């Protein structure tokens, strides 16, 4: 698995876990944007 693919899977797993813990979607979006230095559109892709 490439580093980028691993990075993508890690973000997807984080989003899944935060949703399971009932974290608000806006907070999830904000956290992944800051932690992974994502643009708005990149962050939105992980939340779909």
PDB file of N, CA and C in Angstrom:
ATOM      1  N   UNK A   1       0.856  -1.180   0.000  1.00  0.00           N
ATOM      2  CA  UNK A   1       0.000   0.000   0.000  1.00  0.00           C
ATOM      3  C   UNK A   1       0.893   1.231   0.000  1.00  0.00           C
ATOM      4  N   UNK A   2       0.574   2.167  -0.861  1.00  0.00           N
ATOM      5  CA  UNK A   2       1.362   3.395  -0.930  1.00  0.00           C
ATOM      6  C   UNK A   2       1.072   4.262   0.287  1.00  0.00           C
ATOM      7  N   UNK A   3       1.991   5.181   0.565  1.00  0.00           N
ATOM      8  CA  UNK A   3       1.824   6.072   1.714  1.00  0.00           C
ATOM      9  C   UNK A   3       0.567   6.921   1.566  1.00  0.00           C
ATOM     10  N   UNK A   4       0.323   7.413   0.350  1.00  0.00           N
ATOM     11  CA  UNK A   4      -0.865   8.255   0.132  1.00  0.00           C
ATOM     12  C   UNK A   4      -2.142   7.457   0.361  1.00  0.00           C
ATOM     13  N   UNK A   5      -2.185   6.226  -0.145  1.00  0.00           N
ATOM     14  CA  UNK A   5      -3.372   5.395   0.047  1.00  0.00           C
ATOM     15  C   UNK A   5      -3.576   5.100   1.531  1.00  0.00           C
ATOM     16  N   UNK A   6      -2.506   4.860   2.251  1.00  0.00           N
ATOM     17  CA  UNK A   6      -2.603   4.635   3.690  1.00  0.00           C
ATOM     18  C   UNK A   6      -3.114   5.863   4.409  1.00  0.00           C
ATOM     19  N   UNK A   7      -2.678   7.025   3.964  1.00  0.00           N
ATOM     20  CA  UNK A   7      -3.110   8.303   4.538  1.00  0.00           C
ATOM     21  C   UNK A   7      -4.613   8.486   4.317  1.00  0.00           C
ATOM     22  N   UNK A   8      -5.068   8.197   3.109  1.00  0.00           N
ATOM     23  CA  UNK A   8      -6.491   8.325   2.773  1.00  0.00           C
ATOM     24  C   UNK A   8      -7.324   7.371   3.625  1.00  0.00           C
ATOM     25  N   UNK A   9      -6.884   6.131   3.737  1.00  0.00           N
ATOM     26  CA  UNK A   9      -7.614   5.149   4.543  1.00  0.00           C
ATOM     27  C   UNK A   9      -7.645   5.559   6.013  1.00  0.00           C
ATOM     28  N   UNK A  10      -6.550   6.131   6.498  1.00  0.00           N
ATOM     29  CA  UNK A  10      -6.501   6.591   7.885  1.00  0.00           C
ATOM     30  C   UNK A  10      -7.515   7.686   8.159  1.00  0.00           C
ATOM     31  N   UNK A  11      -7.631   8.629   7.240  1.00  0.00           N
ATOM     32  CA  UNK A  11      -8.605   9.715   7.403  1.00  0.00           C
ATOM     33  C   UNK A  11     -10.021   9.146   7.350  1.00  0.00           C
ATOM     34  N   UNK A  12     -10.283   8.248   6.422  1.00  0.00           N
ATOM     35  CA  UNK A  12     -11.614   7.643   6.317  1.00  0.00           C
ATOM     36  C   UNK A  12     -11.972   6.892   7.597  1.00  0.00           C
ATOM     37  N   UNK A  13     -11.014   6.169   8.156  1.00  0.00           N
ATOM     38  CA  UNK A  13     -11.262   5.438   9.400  1.00  0.00           C
ATOM     39  C   UNK A  13     -11.503   6.384  10.566  1.00  0.00           C
ATOM     40  N   UNK A  14     -10.768   7.489  10.606  1.00  0.00           N
ATOM     41  CA  UNK A  14     -10.973   8.484  11.657  1.00  0.00           C
ATOM     42  C   UNK A  14     -12.376   9.065  11.573  1.00  0.00           C
ATOM     43  N   UNK A  15     -12.806   9.435  10.371  1.00  0.00           N
ATOM     44  CA  UNK A  15     -14.147   9.994  10.176  1.00  0.00           C
ATOM     45  C   UNK A  15     -15.199   8.974  10.619  1.00  0.00           C
ATOM     46  N   UNK A  16     -15.018   7.723  10.237  1.00  0.00           N
ATOM     47  CA  UNK A  16     -15.967   6.671  10.617  1.00  0.00           C
ATOM     48  C   UNK A  16     -16.058   6.541  12.135  1.00  0.00           C
ATOM     49  N   UNK A  17     -14.925   6.533  12.792  1.00  0.00           N
ATOM     50  CA  UNK A  17     -14.903   6.402  14.247  1.00  0.00           C
ATOM     51  C   UNK A  17     -15.555   7.596  14.926  1.00  0.00           C
ATOM     52  N   UNK A  18     -15.244   8.800  14.462  1.00  0.00           N
ATOM     53  CA  UNK A  18     -15.838   9.994  15.060  1.00  0.00           C
ATOM     54  C   UNK A  18     -17.351  10.007  14.866  1.00  0.00           C
ATOM     55  N   UNK A  19     -17.826   9.537  13.734  1.00  0.00           N
ATOM     56  CA  UNK A  19     -19.275   9.439  13.511  1.00  0.00           C
ATOM     57  C   UNK A  19     -19.901   8.439  14.474  1.00  0.00           C
ATOM     58  N   UNK A  20     -19.223   7.313  14.685  1.00  0.00           N
ATOM     59  CA  UNK A  20     -19.733   6.304  15.621  1.00  0.00           C
ATOM     60  C   UNK A  20     -19.818   6.855  17.040  1.00  0.00           C
ATOM     61  N   UNK A  21     -18.964   7.821  17.347  1.00  0.00           N
ATOM     62  CA  UNK A  21     -18.973   8.457  18.665  1.00  0.00           C
ATOM     63  C   UNK A  21     -19.907   9.669  18.716  1.00  0.00           C
ATOM     64  N   UNK A  22     -20.701   9.852  17.662  1.00  0.00           N
ATOM     65  CA  UNK A  22     -21.682  10.942  17.561  1.00  0.00           C
ATOM     66  C   UNK A  22     -21.064  12.330  17.623  1.00  0.00           C
ATOM     67  N   UNK A  23     -19.876  12.481  17.049  1.00  0.00           N
ATOM     68  CA  UNK A  23     -19.257  13.803  16.948  1.00  0.00           C
ATOM     69  C   UNK A  23     -19.937  14.539  15.796  1.00  0.00           C
ATOM     70  N   UNK A  24     -20.253  15.801  16.009  1.00  0.00           N
ATOM     71  CA  UNK A  24     -20.920  16.632  15.010  1.00  0.00           C
ATOM     72  C   UNK A  24     -20.099  16.698  13.718  1.00  0.00           C
ATOM     73  N   UNK A  25     -20.798  16.602  12.579  1.00  0.00           N
ATOM     74  CA  UNK A  25     -20.129  16.623  11.268  1.00  0.00           C
ATOM     75  C   UNK A  25     -19.273  17.876  11.073  1.00  0.00           C
ATOM     76  N   UNK A  26     -19.741  19.015  11.570  1.00  0.00           N
ATOM     77  CA  UNK A  26     -18.961  20.254  11.421  1.00  0.00           C
ATOM     78  C   UNK A  26     -17.648  20.166  12.190  1.00  0.00           C
ATOM     79  N   UNK A  27     -17.685  19.538  13.362  1.00  0.00           N
ATOM     80  CA  UNK A  27     -16.457  19.387  14.149  1.00  0.00           C
ATOM     81  C   UNK A  27     -15.503  18.406  13.476  1.00  0.00           C
ATOM     82  N   UNK A  28     -16.057  17.336  12.922  1.00  0.00           N
ATOM     83  CA  UNK A  28     -15.219  16.368  12.207  1.00  0.00           C
ATOM     84  C   UNK A  28     -14.523  17.063  11.044  1.00  0.00           C
ATOM     85  N   UNK A  29     -15.283  17.819  10.269  1.00  0.00           N
ATOM     86  CA  UNK A  29     -14.732  18.534   9.106  1.00  0.00           C
ATOM     87  C   UNK A  29     -13.613  19.469   9.537  1.00  0.00           C
ATOM     88  N   UNK A  30     -13.862  20.228  10.592  1.00  0.00           N
ATOM     89  CA  UNK A  30     -12.863  21.180  11.081  1.00  0.00           C
ATOM     90  C   UNK A  30     -11.595  20.455  11.542  1.00  0.00           C
ATOM     91  N   UNK A  31     -11.763  19.372  12.274  1.00  0.00           N
ATOM     92  CA  UNK A  31     -10.607  18.629  12.800  1.00  0.00           C
ATOM     93  C   UNK A  31      -9.749  18.035  11.689  1.00  0.00           C
ATOM     94  N   UNK A  32     -10.397  17.405  10.699  1.00  0.00           N
ATOM     95  CA  UNK A  32      -9.578  16.798   9.648  1.00  0.00           C
ATOM     96  C   UNK A  32      -8.934  17.858   8.766  1.00  0.00           C
ATOM     97  N   UNK A  33      -9.599  19.008   8.587  1.00  0.00           N
ATOM     98  CA  UNK A  33      -8.991  20.098   7.814  1.00  0.00           C
ATOM     99  C   UNK A  33      -7.703  20.563   8.471  1.00  0.00           C
ATOM    100  N   UNK A  34      -7.746  20.761   9.776  1.00  0.00           N
ATOM    101  CA  UNK A  34      -6.576  21.263  10.500  1.00  0.00           C
ATOM    102  C   UNK A  34      -5.501  20.184  10.606  1.00  0.00           C
ATOM    103  N   UNK A  35      -5.889  19.008  11.037  1.00  0.00           N
ATOM    104  CA  UNK A  35      -4.914  17.941  11.288  1.00  0.00           C
ATOM    105  C   UNK A  35      -4.184  17.491  10.026  1.00  0.00           C
ATOM    106  N   UNK A  36      -4.909  17.422   8.913  1.00  0.00           N
ATOM    107  CA  UNK A  36      -4.321  16.911   7.676  1.00  0.00           C
ATOM    108  C   UNK A  36      -4.097  17.994   6.631  1.00  0.00           C
ATOM    109  N   UNK A  37      -4.259  19.258   7.025  1.00  0.00           N
ATOM    110  CA  UNK A  37      -4.006  20.402   6.147  1.00  0.00           C
ATOM    111  C   UNK A  37      -4.772  20.273   4.824  1.00  0.00           C
ATOM    112  N   UNK A  38      -6.091  20.081   4.936  1.00  0.00           N
ATOM    113  CA  UNK A  38      -6.941  19.884   3.768  1.00  0.00           C
ATOM    114  C   UNK A  38      -7.675  21.164   3.397  1.00  0.00           C
ATOM    115  N   UNK A  39      -8.007  21.274   2.128  1.00  0.00           N
ATOM    116  CA  UNK A  39      -8.877  22.364   1.685  1.00  0.00           C
ATOM    117  C   UNK A  39     -10.316  21.983   2.031  1.00  0.00           C
ATOM    118  N   UNK A  40     -11.226  22.935   1.877  1.00  0.00           N
ATOM    119  CA  UNK A  40     -12.638  22.653   2.135  1.00  0.00           C
ATOM    120  C   UNK A  40     -13.141  21.508   1.264  1.00  0.00           C
ATOM    121  N   UNK A  41     -12.817  21.555  -0.013  1.00  0.00           N
ATOM    122  CA  UNK A  41     -13.314  20.515  -0.927  1.00  0.00           C
ATOM    123  C   UNK A  41     -12.697  19.148  -0.624  1.00  0.00           C
ATOM    124  N   UNK A  42     -11.430  19.126  -0.229  1.00  0.00           N
ATOM    125  CA  UNK A  42     -10.800  17.850   0.138  1.00  0.00           C
ATOM    126  C   UNK A  42     -11.463  17.265   1.377  1.00  0.00           C
ATOM    127  N   UNK A  43     -11.706  18.101   2.373  1.00  0.00           N
ATOM    128  CA  UNK A  43     -12.357  17.633   3.602  1.00  0.00           C
ATOM    129  C   UNK A  43     -13.754  17.116   3.297  1.00  0.00           C
ATOM    130  N   UNK A  44     -14.473  17.817   2.439  1.00  0.00           N
ATOM    131  CA  UNK A  44     -15.834  17.407   2.087  1.00  0.00           C
ATOM    132  C   UNK A  44     -15.862  16.025   1.444  1.00  0.00           C
ATOM    133  N   UNK A  45     -14.844  15.684   0.682  1.00  0.00           N
ATOM    134  CA  UNK A  45     -14.786  14.370   0.035  1.00  0.00           C
ATOM    135  C   UNK A  45     -14.764  13.245   1.069  1.00  0.00           C
ATOM    136  N   UNK A  46     -14.099  13.472   2.189  1.00  0.00           N
ATOM    137  CA  UNK A  46     -14.028  12.444   3.226  1.00  0.00           C
ATOM    138  C   UNK A  46     -15.333  12.310   3.998  1.00  0.00           C
ATOM    139  N   UNK A  47     -16.168  13.325   3.944  1.00  0.00           N
ATOM    140  CA  UNK A  47     -17.422  13.304   4.691  1.00  0.00           C
ATOM    141  C   UNK A  47     -18.592  12.774   3.865  1.00  0.00           C
ATOM    142  N   UNK A  48     -18.354  12.442   2.614  1.00  0.00           N
ATOM    143  CA  UNK A  48     -19.434  11.908   1.763  1.00  0.00           C
ATOM    144  C   UNK A  48     -19.582  10.428   1.950  1.00  0.00           C
TER     145      UNK A  48
END
